[in-house]
Amino acid sequence: IDDGVLDAYDRVTFYGSGMAGHAAAAYSVACPGSAVLAIAPRATMAPARVPFEARDRAARRLDFTSRFGFAPDMARAAAKVWILRDPHHVPDAAQSALFQGRNTQILNLRHMAERIEPALAELDILPKLIVAAMKGDLSEVLLADLWRARRKFGPYLKALLNKTEAAGREGLAFAICANVTRRTRAPKFRRRLEEMTEARAAKVNVPA
């Protein structure tokens, strides 16, 4: 800030995930009018504000009460803040809910919990999102279009199936396995489909 390093750039984008997401949002105050792309950012680690937070224990000993401590306040000077999170992952949903600036848009990526960043990186989506944020073009529609790649992404499909079965939704789990095996080579899904098919047949053939 003192040296004006960022003044030489027309566009500045801060990016980070998790605790680095806190840094991206908090340090964006160094460049008003910048863009912020943060994946599951920590708004703060001050125990009084986030008593539910059990992660990043080392960070809880740091000072989050002075400047740069509460990321949502620091990010208010940014032109736009995009936050990616899994709305069903409680700690991330609670942290991201603290970002309430008018410049903030929260985009949901379900079933990935804390694996959003590696998933986006492996699918080669992350660079595209960062460039879109830099240009100001990132939107729910663009993310949805890029995120369609998850339909062939093993970790996502496994997480989806596990959550569906854990919820006891047998019909939906069967449909997921049938759809995946129809579109891709997925031995585990094929075996699970065969198991569910056999279980269904057994129920039908049970004598009255």
N, C-alpha and C. Protein backbone atom coordinates (compact mmCIF):
# COMPACT_ATOMS: atom_id res chain seq x y z
N ILE A 1 0.84 -1.20 0.00
CA ILE A 1 0.00 0.00 0.00
C ILE A 1 0.87 1.25 0.00
N ASP A 2 1.87 1.28 0.88
CA ASP A 2 2.72 2.47 1.00
C ASP A 2 3.51 2.73 -0.29
N ASP A 3 3.96 1.66 -0.94
CA ASP A 3 4.78 1.81 -2.15
C ASP A 3 3.95 1.97 -3.42
N GLY A 4 2.64 1.78 -3.33
CA GLY A 4 1.78 1.92 -4.49
C GLY A 4 2.06 0.91 -5.59
N VAL A 5 2.47 -0.29 -5.20
CA VAL A 5 2.83 -1.32 -6.17
C VAL A 5 1.70 -1.62 -7.14
N LEU A 6 0.48 -1.68 -6.63
CA LEU A 6 -0.65 -2.08 -7.48
C LEU A 6 -1.20 -0.94 -8.33
N ASP A 7 -0.73 0.26 -8.10
CA ASP A 7 -1.25 1.41 -8.85
C ASP A 7 -0.90 1.33 -10.33
N ALA A 8 0.11 0.55 -10.66
CA ALA A 8 0.56 0.48 -12.06
C ALA A 8 -0.30 -0.45 -12.91
N TYR A 9 -1.26 -1.12 -12.29
CA TYR A 9 -2.06 -2.11 -13.02
C TYR A 9 -3.48 -1.60 -13.23
N ASP A 10 -4.01 -1.85 -14.44
CA ASP A 10 -5.38 -1.45 -14.76
C ASP A 10 -6.39 -2.37 -14.09
N ARG A 11 -6.05 -3.66 -14.00
CA ARG A 11 -6.95 -4.64 -13.40
C ARG A 11 -6.19 -5.47 -12.38
N VAL A 12 -6.78 -5.63 -11.22
CA VAL A 12 -6.17 -6.44 -10.17
C VAL A 12 -7.23 -7.40 -9.64
N THR A 13 -6.89 -8.66 -9.58
CA THR A 13 -7.80 -9.68 -9.05
C THR A 13 -7.11 -10.42 -7.92
N PHE A 14 -7.79 -10.52 -6.80
CA PHE A 14 -7.28 -11.28 -5.66
C PHE A 14 -8.00 -12.63 -5.63
N TYR A 15 -7.23 -13.70 -5.51
CA TYR A 15 -7.82 -15.04 -5.49
C TYR A 15 -7.27 -15.83 -4.31
N GLY A 16 -8.12 -16.66 -3.71
CA GLY A 16 -7.65 -17.55 -2.65
C GLY A 16 -8.76 -18.50 -2.23
N SER A 17 -8.36 -19.58 -1.55
CA SER A 17 -9.31 -20.58 -1.07
C SER A 17 -9.06 -20.82 0.41
N GLY A 18 -10.14 -20.96 1.18
CA GLY A 18 -10.00 -21.23 2.61
C GLY A 18 -9.40 -20.03 3.33
N MET A 19 -8.32 -20.26 4.09
CA MET A 19 -7.64 -19.15 4.76
C MET A 19 -7.05 -18.18 3.74
N ALA A 20 -6.61 -18.69 2.59
CA ALA A 20 -6.12 -17.80 1.54
C ALA A 20 -7.27 -16.99 0.95
N GLY A 21 -8.48 -17.51 1.05
CA GLY A 21 -9.65 -16.75 0.64
C GLY A 21 -9.88 -15.56 1.55
N HIS A 22 -9.59 -15.75 2.84
CA HIS A 22 -9.64 -14.63 3.78
C HIS A 22 -8.64 -13.57 3.36
N ALA A 23 -7.43 -13.99 3.02
CA ALA A 23 -6.39 -13.05 2.61
C ALA A 23 -6.80 -12.30 1.34
N ALA A 24 -7.37 -13.03 0.38
CA ALA A 24 -7.77 -12.39 -0.88
C ALA A 24 -8.79 -11.29 -0.63
N ALA A 25 -9.78 -11.58 0.21
CA ALA A 25 -10.81 -10.58 0.50
C ALA A 25 -10.27 -9.45 1.35
N ALA A 26 -9.50 -9.79 2.38
CA ALA A 26 -9.01 -8.77 3.31
C ALA A 26 -8.02 -7.82 2.65
N TYR A 27 -7.12 -8.35 1.86
CA TYR A 27 -6.07 -7.52 1.27
C TYR A 27 -6.53 -6.79 0.01
N SER A 28 -7.75 -7.07 -0.43
CA SER A 28 -8.27 -6.34 -1.59
C SER A 28 -8.45 -4.87 -1.25
N VAL A 29 -8.51 -4.54 0.05
CA VAL A 29 -8.62 -3.15 0.46
C VAL A 29 -7.40 -2.35 0.01
N ALA A 30 -6.31 -3.05 -0.27
CA ALA A 30 -5.09 -2.38 -0.74
C ALA A 30 -5.26 -1.84 -2.16
N CYS A 31 -6.31 -2.31 -2.84
CA CYS A 31 -6.52 -1.87 -4.23
C CYS A 31 -8.01 -1.68 -4.47
N PRO A 32 -8.57 -0.55 -4.05
CA PRO A 32 -10.00 -0.29 -4.26
C PRO A 32 -10.36 -0.43 -5.74
N GLY A 33 -11.50 -1.06 -5.99
CA GLY A 33 -11.93 -1.27 -7.37
C GLY A 33 -11.44 -2.57 -7.97
N SER A 34 -10.71 -3.36 -7.18
CA SER A 34 -10.22 -4.65 -7.66
C SER A 34 -11.34 -5.68 -7.64
N ALA A 35 -11.04 -6.87 -8.11
CA ALA A 35 -11.98 -7.99 -8.08
C ALA A 35 -11.48 -9.03 -7.11
N VAL A 36 -12.40 -9.77 -6.51
CA VAL A 36 -12.04 -10.82 -5.57
C VAL A 36 -12.77 -12.10 -5.96
N LEU A 37 -12.02 -13.18 -6.07
CA LEU A 37 -12.60 -14.51 -6.26
C LEU A 37 -12.10 -15.36 -5.11
N ALA A 38 -13.02 -15.79 -4.25
CA ALA A 38 -12.64 -16.55 -3.06
C ALA A 38 -13.47 -17.82 -2.97
N ILE A 39 -12.80 -18.93 -2.74
CA ILE A 39 -13.48 -20.21 -2.57
C ILE A 39 -13.55 -20.54 -1.09
N ALA A 40 -14.76 -20.69 -0.59
CA ALA A 40 -14.98 -21.02 0.83
C ALA A 40 -14.08 -20.20 1.74
N PRO A 41 -14.11 -18.88 1.63
CA PRO A 41 -13.21 -18.06 2.43
C PRO A 41 -13.61 -18.03 3.90
N ARG A 42 -12.63 -17.82 4.76
CA ARG A 42 -12.90 -17.58 6.16
C ARG A 42 -13.11 -16.07 6.31
N ALA A 43 -14.27 -15.68 6.78
CA ALA A 43 -14.51 -14.26 7.02
C ALA A 43 -13.64 -13.77 8.17
N THR A 44 -13.51 -14.59 9.17
CA THR A 44 -12.70 -14.31 10.34
C THR A 44 -12.46 -15.62 11.07
N MET A 45 -11.46 -15.60 11.95
CA MET A 45 -11.25 -16.77 12.82
C MET A 45 -11.35 -16.37 14.28
N ALA A 46 -11.88 -15.15 14.54
CA ALA A 46 -12.07 -14.70 15.91
C ALA A 46 -13.12 -15.58 16.59
N PRO A 47 -12.76 -16.29 17.66
CA PRO A 47 -13.71 -17.21 18.30
C PRO A 47 -15.04 -16.57 18.67
N ALA A 48 -15.02 -15.31 19.04
CA ALA A 48 -16.26 -14.65 19.45
C ALA A 48 -17.24 -14.51 18.29
N ARG A 49 -16.72 -14.40 17.08
CA ARG A 49 -17.58 -14.21 15.91
C ARG A 49 -17.95 -15.51 15.23
N VAL A 50 -17.04 -16.49 15.28
CA VAL A 50 -17.32 -17.78 14.64
C VAL A 50 -17.05 -18.91 15.64
N PRO A 51 -17.87 -19.00 16.69
CA PRO A 51 -17.65 -20.03 17.71
C PRO A 51 -17.80 -21.45 17.17
N PHE A 52 -18.45 -21.58 16.02
CA PHE A 52 -18.65 -22.90 15.41
C PHE A 52 -17.40 -23.41 14.70
N GLU A 53 -16.44 -22.51 14.44
CA GLU A 53 -15.30 -22.86 13.59
C GLU A 53 -14.28 -23.70 14.35
N ALA A 54 -14.06 -24.93 13.85
CA ALA A 54 -13.10 -25.83 14.49
C ALA A 54 -11.89 -26.10 13.61
N ARG A 55 -11.84 -25.48 12.43
CA ARG A 55 -10.73 -25.70 11.51
C ARG A 55 -9.64 -24.66 11.73
N ASP A 56 -8.48 -24.90 11.10
CA ASP A 56 -7.39 -23.92 11.12
C ASP A 56 -7.12 -23.41 12.53
N ARG A 57 -6.90 -24.34 13.43
CA ARG A 57 -6.75 -23.97 14.84
C ARG A 57 -5.58 -23.02 15.08
N ALA A 58 -4.52 -23.16 14.33
CA ALA A 58 -3.38 -22.27 14.51
C ALA A 58 -3.77 -20.82 14.22
N ALA A 59 -4.66 -20.63 13.26
CA ALA A 59 -5.08 -19.27 12.89
C ALA A 59 -5.92 -18.62 13.98
N ARG A 60 -6.54 -19.42 14.82
CA ARG A 60 -7.40 -18.87 15.88
C ARG A 60 -6.60 -18.09 16.91
N ARG A 61 -5.28 -18.30 16.93
CA ARG A 61 -4.43 -17.58 17.89
C ARG A 61 -3.98 -16.22 17.33
N LEU A 62 -4.29 -15.95 16.09
CA LEU A 62 -3.90 -14.68 15.48
C LEU A 62 -4.91 -13.58 15.82
N ASP A 63 -4.52 -12.34 15.57
CA ASP A 63 -5.38 -11.20 15.87
C ASP A 63 -6.30 -10.92 14.68
N PHE A 64 -7.59 -11.15 14.89
CA PHE A 64 -8.57 -10.87 13.85
C PHE A 64 -9.47 -9.70 14.25
N THR A 65 -8.98 -8.86 15.16
CA THR A 65 -9.78 -7.73 15.61
C THR A 65 -9.28 -6.40 15.04
N SER A 66 -8.07 -6.38 14.51
CA SER A 66 -7.51 -5.15 13.96
C SER A 66 -7.75 -5.09 12.45
N ARG A 67 -7.10 -4.14 11.77
CA ARG A 67 -7.29 -4.01 10.34
C ARG A 67 -6.93 -5.30 9.61
N PHE A 68 -7.63 -5.64 8.57
CA PHE A 68 -7.50 -6.87 7.79
C PHE A 68 -8.08 -8.09 8.52
N GLY A 69 -8.58 -7.90 9.73
CA GLY A 69 -9.06 -9.04 10.50
C GLY A 69 -10.39 -9.58 10.01
N PHE A 70 -11.35 -8.67 9.75
CA PHE A 70 -12.68 -9.10 9.32
C PHE A 70 -12.79 -8.88 7.81
N ALA A 71 -12.61 -9.94 7.06
CA ALA A 71 -12.51 -9.85 5.60
C ALA A 71 -13.71 -9.19 4.92
N PRO A 72 -14.96 -9.46 5.35
CA PRO A 72 -16.10 -8.82 4.67
C PRO A 72 -16.03 -7.30 4.67
N ASP A 73 -15.57 -6.71 5.77
CA ASP A 73 -15.46 -5.25 5.82
C ASP A 73 -14.37 -4.76 4.86
N MET A 74 -13.26 -5.47 4.81
CA MET A 74 -12.15 -5.07 3.95
C MET A 74 -12.52 -5.17 2.48
N ALA A 75 -13.41 -6.10 2.15
CA ALA A 75 -13.75 -6.35 0.74
C ALA A 75 -14.79 -5.39 0.19
N ARG A 76 -15.32 -4.52 1.03
CA ARG A 76 -16.39 -3.63 0.57
C ARG A 76 -15.90 -2.62 -0.46
N ALA A 77 -14.60 -2.40 -0.51
CA ALA A 77 -14.06 -1.44 -1.48
C ALA A 77 -13.78 -2.08 -2.84
N ALA A 78 -13.94 -3.39 -2.92
CA ALA A 78 -13.71 -4.08 -4.20
C ALA A 78 -14.85 -3.77 -5.16
N ALA A 79 -14.55 -3.82 -6.44
CA ALA A 79 -15.60 -3.61 -7.44
C ALA A 79 -16.60 -4.76 -7.40
N LYS A 80 -16.08 -5.98 -7.25
CA LYS A 80 -16.94 -7.17 -7.21
C LYS A 80 -16.26 -8.28 -6.42
N VAL A 81 -17.06 -8.97 -5.64
CA VAL A 81 -16.56 -10.11 -4.86
C VAL A 81 -17.41 -11.32 -5.22
N TRP A 82 -16.76 -12.36 -5.70
CA TRP A 82 -17.44 -13.62 -5.98
C TRP A 82 -16.97 -14.65 -4.96
N ILE A 83 -17.93 -15.33 -4.35
CA ILE A 83 -17.61 -16.37 -3.37
C ILE A 83 -18.21 -17.68 -3.84
N LEU A 84 -17.37 -18.69 -3.97
CA LEU A 84 -17.81 -20.03 -4.32
C LEU A 84 -17.84 -20.88 -3.07
N ARG A 85 -18.94 -21.59 -2.86
CA ARG A 85 -19.03 -22.42 -1.66
C ARG A 85 -20.02 -23.54 -1.88
N ASP A 86 -19.90 -24.58 -1.04
CA ASP A 86 -20.90 -25.63 -1.00
C ASP A 86 -21.91 -25.24 0.07
N PRO A 87 -23.14 -24.91 -0.30
CA PRO A 87 -24.11 -24.42 0.68
C PRO A 87 -24.50 -25.45 1.72
N HIS A 88 -24.22 -26.73 1.45
CA HIS A 88 -24.56 -27.79 2.40
C HIS A 88 -23.42 -28.13 3.35
N HIS A 89 -22.26 -27.51 3.13
CA HIS A 89 -21.13 -27.70 4.05
C HIS A 89 -21.22 -26.59 5.09
N VAL A 90 -21.68 -26.94 6.27
CA VAL A 90 -22.09 -25.95 7.27
C VAL A 90 -21.04 -24.90 7.60
N PRO A 91 -19.78 -25.28 7.92
CA PRO A 91 -18.82 -24.23 8.28
C PRO A 91 -18.59 -23.22 7.16
N ASP A 92 -18.49 -23.70 5.92
CA ASP A 92 -18.27 -22.78 4.80
C ASP A 92 -19.50 -21.93 4.53
N ALA A 93 -20.67 -22.53 4.67
CA ALA A 93 -21.90 -21.77 4.45
C ALA A 93 -22.03 -20.65 5.49
N ALA A 94 -21.67 -20.97 6.74
CA ALA A 94 -21.77 -19.97 7.81
C ALA A 94 -20.75 -18.86 7.62
N GLN A 95 -19.53 -19.23 7.23
CA GLN A 95 -18.50 -18.20 7.02
C GLN A 95 -18.87 -17.30 5.85
N SER A 96 -19.29 -17.88 4.75
CA SER A 96 -19.60 -17.08 3.56
C SER A 96 -20.81 -16.19 3.79
N ALA A 97 -21.71 -16.59 4.69
CA ALA A 97 -22.90 -15.79 4.97
C ALA A 97 -22.54 -14.46 5.63
N LEU A 98 -21.34 -14.35 6.17
CA LEU A 98 -20.90 -13.10 6.79
C LEU A 98 -20.50 -12.05 5.76
N PHE A 99 -20.33 -12.47 4.52
CA PHE A 99 -20.03 -11.54 3.44
C PHE A 99 -21.36 -11.00 2.89
N GLN A 100 -21.73 -9.82 3.31
CA GLN A 100 -23.04 -9.29 2.96
C GLN A 100 -22.96 -7.97 2.20
N GLY A 101 -21.81 -7.65 1.65
CA GLY A 101 -21.66 -6.41 0.90
C GLY A 101 -22.50 -6.43 -0.37
N ARG A 102 -22.91 -5.26 -0.83
CA ARG A 102 -23.70 -5.16 -2.06
C ARG A 102 -22.90 -5.59 -3.28
N ASN A 103 -21.59 -5.60 -3.15
CA ASN A 103 -20.73 -5.99 -4.27
C ASN A 103 -20.46 -7.49 -4.30
N THR A 104 -21.12 -8.23 -3.42
CA THR A 104 -20.80 -9.66 -3.25
C THR A 104 -21.86 -10.56 -3.88
N GLN A 105 -21.40 -11.55 -4.62
CA GLN A 105 -22.28 -12.57 -5.19
C GLN A 105 -21.78 -13.94 -4.76
N ILE A 106 -22.65 -14.72 -4.17
CA ILE A 106 -22.30 -16.07 -3.71
C ILE A 106 -22.79 -17.08 -4.74
N LEU A 107 -21.88 -17.93 -5.18
CA LEU A 107 -22.18 -18.96 -6.18
C LEU A 107 -22.02 -20.33 -5.54
N ASN A 108 -22.99 -21.19 -5.74
CA ASN A 108 -23.01 -22.48 -5.07
C ASN A 108 -22.51 -23.63 -5.94
N LEU A 109 -21.65 -24.45 -5.36
CA LEU A 109 -21.17 -25.69 -5.98
C LEU A 109 -21.42 -26.81 -4.97
N ARG A 110 -22.47 -27.55 -5.20
CA ARG A 110 -22.91 -28.54 -4.22
C ARG A 110 -22.11 -29.84 -4.28
N HIS A 111 -22.08 -30.51 -3.13
CA HIS A 111 -21.55 -31.87 -2.97
C HIS A 111 -20.02 -31.97 -2.98
N MET A 112 -19.32 -30.84 -2.98
CA MET A 112 -17.86 -30.89 -3.01
C MET A 112 -17.23 -30.52 -1.68
N ALA A 113 -18.02 -29.97 -0.75
CA ALA A 113 -17.51 -29.60 0.57
C ALA A 113 -16.21 -28.80 0.45
N GLU A 114 -15.14 -29.30 1.06
CA GLU A 114 -13.87 -28.56 1.03
C GLU A 114 -12.99 -28.97 -0.15
N ARG A 115 -13.55 -29.67 -1.10
CA ARG A 115 -12.78 -30.12 -2.26
C ARG A 115 -13.07 -29.31 -3.53
N ILE A 116 -13.65 -28.13 -3.35
CA ILE A 116 -14.01 -27.32 -4.52
C ILE A 116 -12.78 -26.91 -5.32
N GLU A 117 -11.78 -26.36 -4.64
CA GLU A 117 -10.60 -25.88 -5.36
C GLU A 117 -9.89 -26.99 -6.14
N PRO A 118 -9.56 -28.14 -5.51
CA PRO A 118 -8.91 -29.20 -6.30
C PRO A 118 -9.78 -29.72 -7.43
N ALA A 119 -11.10 -29.73 -7.24
CA ALA A 119 -12.00 -30.19 -8.31
C ALA A 119 -11.94 -29.23 -9.49
N LEU A 120 -12.01 -27.94 -9.22
CA LEU A 120 -11.97 -26.95 -10.30
C LEU A 120 -10.61 -26.97 -11.00
N ALA A 121 -9.56 -27.19 -10.23
CA ALA A 121 -8.23 -27.24 -10.83
C ALA A 121 -8.08 -28.47 -11.71
N GLU A 122 -8.53 -29.62 -11.23
CA GLU A 122 -8.40 -30.86 -12.00
C GLU A 122 -9.21 -30.81 -13.29
N LEU A 123 -10.35 -30.14 -13.23
CA LEU A 123 -11.20 -30.03 -14.42
C LEU A 123 -10.78 -28.87 -15.33
N ASP A 124 -9.72 -28.18 -14.94
CA ASP A 124 -9.19 -27.04 -15.71
C ASP A 124 -10.21 -25.91 -15.83
N ILE A 125 -11.03 -25.76 -14.81
CA ILE A 125 -12.03 -24.70 -14.78
C ILE A 125 -11.50 -23.47 -14.04
N LEU A 126 -10.64 -23.70 -13.06
CA LEU A 126 -10.19 -22.61 -12.20
C LEU A 126 -9.55 -21.45 -12.97
N PRO A 127 -8.63 -21.71 -13.90
CA PRO A 127 -8.04 -20.58 -14.65
C PRO A 127 -9.10 -19.77 -15.40
N LYS A 128 -10.10 -20.45 -15.94
CA LYS A 128 -11.16 -19.76 -16.67
C LYS A 128 -11.98 -18.86 -15.74
N LEU A 129 -12.21 -19.33 -14.52
CA LEU A 129 -12.97 -18.53 -13.56
C LEU A 129 -12.18 -17.30 -13.12
N ILE A 130 -10.88 -17.47 -12.93
CA ILE A 130 -10.05 -16.34 -12.51
C ILE A 130 -10.01 -15.28 -13.61
N VAL A 131 -9.87 -15.71 -14.85
CA VAL A 131 -9.87 -14.77 -15.98
C VAL A 131 -11.22 -14.06 -16.09
N ALA A 132 -12.31 -14.82 -15.90
CA ALA A 132 -13.65 -14.22 -15.98
C ALA A 132 -13.84 -13.19 -14.87
N ALA A 133 -13.32 -13.50 -13.67
CA ALA A 133 -13.41 -12.53 -12.58
C ALA A 133 -12.62 -11.28 -12.90
N MET A 134 -11.45 -11.46 -13.48
CA MET A 134 -10.60 -10.32 -13.84
C MET A 134 -11.31 -9.41 -14.84
N LYS A 135 -12.04 -10.02 -15.78
CA LYS A 135 -12.75 -9.24 -16.81
C LYS A 135 -14.11 -8.75 -16.34
N GLY A 136 -14.55 -9.24 -15.17
CA GLY A 136 -15.86 -8.86 -14.67
C GLY A 136 -16.98 -9.64 -15.30
N ASP A 137 -16.67 -10.77 -15.93
CA ASP A 137 -17.66 -11.56 -16.66
C ASP A 137 -18.17 -12.78 -15.90
N LEU A 138 -17.68 -13.00 -14.70
CA LEU A 138 -18.08 -14.19 -13.96
C LEU A 138 -19.55 -14.08 -13.57
N SER A 139 -20.29 -15.14 -13.82
CA SER A 139 -21.72 -15.13 -13.52
C SER A 139 -22.18 -16.54 -13.17
N GLU A 140 -23.37 -16.62 -12.65
CA GLU A 140 -23.95 -17.93 -12.33
C GLU A 140 -24.11 -18.78 -13.58
N VAL A 141 -24.46 -18.13 -14.68
CA VAL A 141 -24.65 -18.85 -15.94
C VAL A 141 -23.32 -19.42 -16.44
N LEU A 142 -22.26 -18.61 -16.40
CA LEU A 142 -20.95 -19.07 -16.84
C LEU A 142 -20.46 -20.21 -15.98
N LEU A 143 -20.61 -20.07 -14.66
CA LEU A 143 -20.17 -21.13 -13.75
C LEU A 143 -20.94 -22.43 -14.01
N ALA A 144 -22.24 -22.31 -14.20
CA ALA A 144 -23.06 -23.50 -14.45
C ALA A 144 -22.62 -24.20 -15.72
N ASP A 145 -22.30 -23.42 -16.74
CA ASP A 145 -21.86 -24.00 -18.01
C ASP A 145 -20.53 -24.74 -17.84
N LEU A 146 -19.58 -24.12 -17.16
CA LEU A 146 -18.27 -24.76 -16.94
C LEU A 146 -18.39 -25.97 -16.01
N TRP A 147 -19.27 -25.86 -15.02
CA TRP A 147 -19.40 -26.90 -14.00
C TRP A 147 -20.10 -28.15 -14.54
N ARG A 148 -20.62 -28.09 -15.75
CA ARG A 148 -21.21 -29.28 -16.36
C ARG A 148 -20.17 -30.40 -16.53
N ALA A 149 -18.91 -30.02 -16.51
CA ALA A 149 -17.84 -31.02 -16.63
C ALA A 149 -17.88 -32.01 -15.47
N ARG A 150 -18.55 -31.67 -14.38
CA ARG A 150 -18.63 -32.56 -13.22
C ARG A 150 -19.39 -33.84 -13.55
N ARG A 151 -20.17 -33.83 -14.62
CA ARG A 151 -20.98 -35.00 -14.96
C ARG A 151 -20.13 -36.20 -15.34
N LYS A 152 -18.83 -35.96 -15.57
CA LYS A 152 -17.91 -37.06 -15.85
C LYS A 152 -16.75 -37.08 -14.85
N PHE A 153 -16.92 -36.38 -13.74
CA PHE A 153 -15.86 -36.23 -12.74
C PHE A 153 -16.13 -37.19 -11.58
N GLY A 154 -15.28 -38.21 -11.47
CA GLY A 154 -15.48 -39.27 -10.49
C GLY A 154 -15.72 -38.80 -9.06
N PRO A 155 -14.87 -37.95 -8.48
CA PRO A 155 -15.07 -37.52 -7.10
C PRO A 155 -16.43 -36.87 -6.86
N TYR A 156 -16.90 -36.09 -7.81
CA TYR A 156 -18.21 -35.46 -7.66
C TYR A 156 -19.31 -36.52 -7.70
N LEU A 157 -19.23 -37.41 -8.67
CA LEU A 157 -20.26 -38.43 -8.82
C LEU A 157 -20.33 -39.34 -7.59
N LYS A 158 -19.16 -39.69 -7.04
CA LYS A 158 -19.13 -40.53 -5.84
C LYS A 158 -19.73 -39.80 -4.65
N ALA A 159 -19.39 -38.52 -4.50
CA ALA A 159 -19.95 -37.73 -3.40
C ALA A 159 -21.46 -37.62 -3.53
N LEU A 160 -21.94 -37.42 -4.75
CA LEU A 160 -23.38 -37.32 -4.99
C LEU A 160 -24.09 -38.62 -4.64
N LEU A 161 -23.50 -39.74 -5.07
CA LEU A 161 -24.11 -41.04 -4.77
C LEU A 161 -24.10 -41.32 -3.27
N ASN A 162 -22.98 -41.03 -2.62
CA ASN A 162 -22.88 -41.28 -1.17
C ASN A 162 -23.92 -40.49 -0.39
N LYS A 163 -24.10 -39.21 -0.74
CA LYS A 163 -25.07 -38.38 -0.04
C LYS A 163 -26.49 -38.86 -0.31
N THR A 164 -26.74 -39.29 -1.53
CA THR A 164 -28.08 -39.77 -1.89
C THR A 164 -28.42 -41.03 -1.12
N GLU A 165 -27.46 -41.95 -1.04
CA GLU A 165 -27.71 -43.20 -0.31
C GLU A 165 -27.80 -42.95 1.18
N ALA A 166 -26.99 -42.02 1.68
CA ALA A 166 -27.04 -41.71 3.12
C ALA A 166 -28.40 -41.12 3.49
N ALA A 167 -29.04 -40.43 2.54
CA ALA A 167 -30.35 -39.84 2.79
C ALA A 167 -31.47 -40.87 2.61
N GLY A 168 -31.12 -42.10 2.22
CA GLY A 168 -32.11 -43.15 2.05
C GLY A 168 -32.95 -43.03 0.79
N ARG A 169 -32.45 -42.29 -0.19
CA ARG A 169 -33.22 -42.09 -1.44
C ARG A 169 -32.79 -43.15 -2.46
N GLU A 170 -33.30 -44.35 -2.27
CA GLU A 170 -32.88 -45.50 -3.08
C GLU A 170 -33.21 -45.31 -4.56
N GLY A 171 -34.38 -44.77 -4.85
CA GLY A 171 -34.77 -44.58 -6.24
C GLY A 171 -33.84 -43.63 -6.97
N LEU A 172 -33.47 -42.54 -6.31
CA LEU A 172 -32.58 -41.56 -6.92
C LEU A 172 -31.17 -42.14 -7.07
N ALA A 173 -30.74 -42.91 -6.07
CA ALA A 173 -29.41 -43.54 -6.15
C ALA A 173 -29.36 -44.50 -7.33
N PHE A 174 -30.43 -45.25 -7.54
CA PHE A 174 -30.51 -46.17 -8.68
C PHE A 174 -30.43 -45.39 -9.99
N ALA A 175 -31.15 -44.27 -10.06
CA ALA A 175 -31.17 -43.45 -11.27
C ALA A 175 -29.78 -42.86 -11.55
N ILE A 176 -29.08 -42.45 -10.50
CA ILE A 176 -27.73 -41.90 -10.67
C ILE A 176 -26.79 -42.95 -11.24
N CYS A 177 -26.82 -44.15 -10.67
CA CYS A 177 -25.95 -45.22 -11.15
C CYS A 177 -26.27 -45.59 -12.60
N ALA A 178 -27.56 -45.63 -12.92
CA ALA A 178 -27.96 -45.96 -14.28
C ALA A 178 -27.48 -44.90 -15.26
N ASN A 179 -27.60 -43.65 -14.87
CA ASN A 179 -27.19 -42.55 -15.74
C ASN A 179 -25.68 -42.53 -15.95
N VAL A 180 -24.93 -42.73 -14.86
CA VAL A 180 -23.47 -42.69 -14.94
C VAL A 180 -22.93 -43.85 -15.79
N THR A 181 -23.46 -45.03 -15.58
CA THR A 181 -22.98 -46.19 -16.34
C THR A 181 -23.36 -46.10 -17.81
N ARG A 182 -24.43 -45.38 -18.10
CA ARG A 182 -24.85 -45.21 -19.49
C ARG A 182 -23.92 -44.23 -20.22
N ARG A 183 -23.37 -43.28 -19.49
CA ARG A 183 -22.57 -42.22 -20.12
C ARG A 183 -21.06 -42.47 -20.05
N THR A 184 -20.60 -43.19 -19.03
CA THR A 184 -19.16 -43.32 -18.80
C THR A 184 -18.80 -44.75 -18.43
N ARG A 185 -17.52 -45.03 -18.47
CA ARG A 185 -17.02 -46.30 -17.96
C ARG A 185 -16.75 -46.12 -16.48
N ALA A 186 -17.63 -46.66 -15.66
CA ALA A 186 -17.53 -46.48 -14.21
C ALA A 186 -17.81 -47.82 -13.53
N PRO A 187 -16.78 -48.66 -13.38
CA PRO A 187 -16.97 -50.00 -12.82
C PRO A 187 -17.66 -50.01 -11.46
N LYS A 188 -17.30 -49.07 -10.59
CA LYS A 188 -17.90 -49.04 -9.24
C LYS A 188 -19.39 -48.74 -9.31
N PHE A 189 -19.76 -47.84 -10.20
CA PHE A 189 -21.18 -47.51 -10.35
C PHE A 189 -21.93 -48.67 -11.00
N ARG A 190 -21.27 -49.36 -11.92
CA ARG A 190 -21.91 -50.51 -12.56
C ARG A 190 -22.16 -51.62 -11.54
N ARG A 191 -21.16 -51.88 -10.69
CA ARG A 191 -21.34 -52.91 -9.66
C ARG A 191 -22.45 -52.51 -8.68
N ARG A 192 -22.48 -51.23 -8.31
CA ARG A 192 -23.52 -50.78 -7.39
C ARG A 192 -24.89 -50.89 -8.04
N LEU A 193 -24.98 -50.61 -9.33
CA LEU A 193 -26.23 -50.73 -10.05
C LEU A 193 -26.69 -52.18 -10.07
N GLU A 194 -25.76 -53.09 -10.30
CA GLU A 194 -26.09 -54.51 -10.30
C GLU A 194 -26.58 -54.96 -8.92
N GLU A 195 -25.93 -54.45 -7.87
CA GLU A 195 -26.34 -54.81 -6.51
C GLU A 195 -27.76 -54.32 -6.22
N MET A 196 -28.05 -53.09 -6.62
CA MET A 196 -29.38 -52.55 -6.38
C MET A 196 -30.43 -53.26 -7.22
N THR A 197 -30.05 -53.65 -8.45
CA THR A 197 -30.98 -54.38 -9.31
C THR A 197 -31.32 -55.73 -8.70
N GLU A 198 -30.31 -56.41 -8.19
CA GLU A 198 -30.52 -57.70 -7.54
C GLU A 198 -31.38 -57.55 -6.29
N ALA A 199 -31.14 -56.48 -5.52
CA ALA A 199 -31.92 -56.25 -4.31
C ALA A 199 -33.38 -55.99 -4.65
N ARG A 200 -33.61 -55.24 -5.72
CA ARG A 200 -34.99 -54.99 -6.15
C ARG A 200 -35.68 -56.27 -6.57
N ALA A 201 -34.94 -57.11 -7.31
CA ALA A 201 -35.52 -58.36 -7.78
C ALA A 201 -35.85 -59.27 -6.59
N ALA A 202 -34.97 -59.27 -5.60
CA ALA A 202 -35.20 -60.10 -4.42
C ALA A 202 -36.46 -59.67 -3.68
N LYS A 203 -36.70 -58.35 -3.62
CA LYS A 203 -37.90 -57.86 -2.93
C LYS A 203 -39.16 -58.30 -3.67
N VAL A 204 -39.07 -58.27 -5.00
CA VAL A 204 -40.24 -58.65 -5.81
C VAL A 204 -40.55 -60.14 -5.65
N ASN A 205 -39.50 -60.96 -5.51
CA ASN A 205 -39.68 -62.42 -5.46
C ASN A 205 -39.90 -62.96 -4.05
N VAL A 206 -39.94 -62.07 -3.06
CA VAL A 206 -40.18 -62.54 -1.68
C VAL A 206 -41.59 -63.12 -1.60
N PRO A 207 -41.75 -64.39 -1.13
CA PRO A 207 -43.09 -65.00 -1.05
C PRO A 207 -43.97 -64.27 -0.04
N ALA A 208 -45.24 -64.19 -0.32
CA ALA A 208 -46.17 -63.49 0.56
C ALA A 208 -46.39 -64.29 1.83
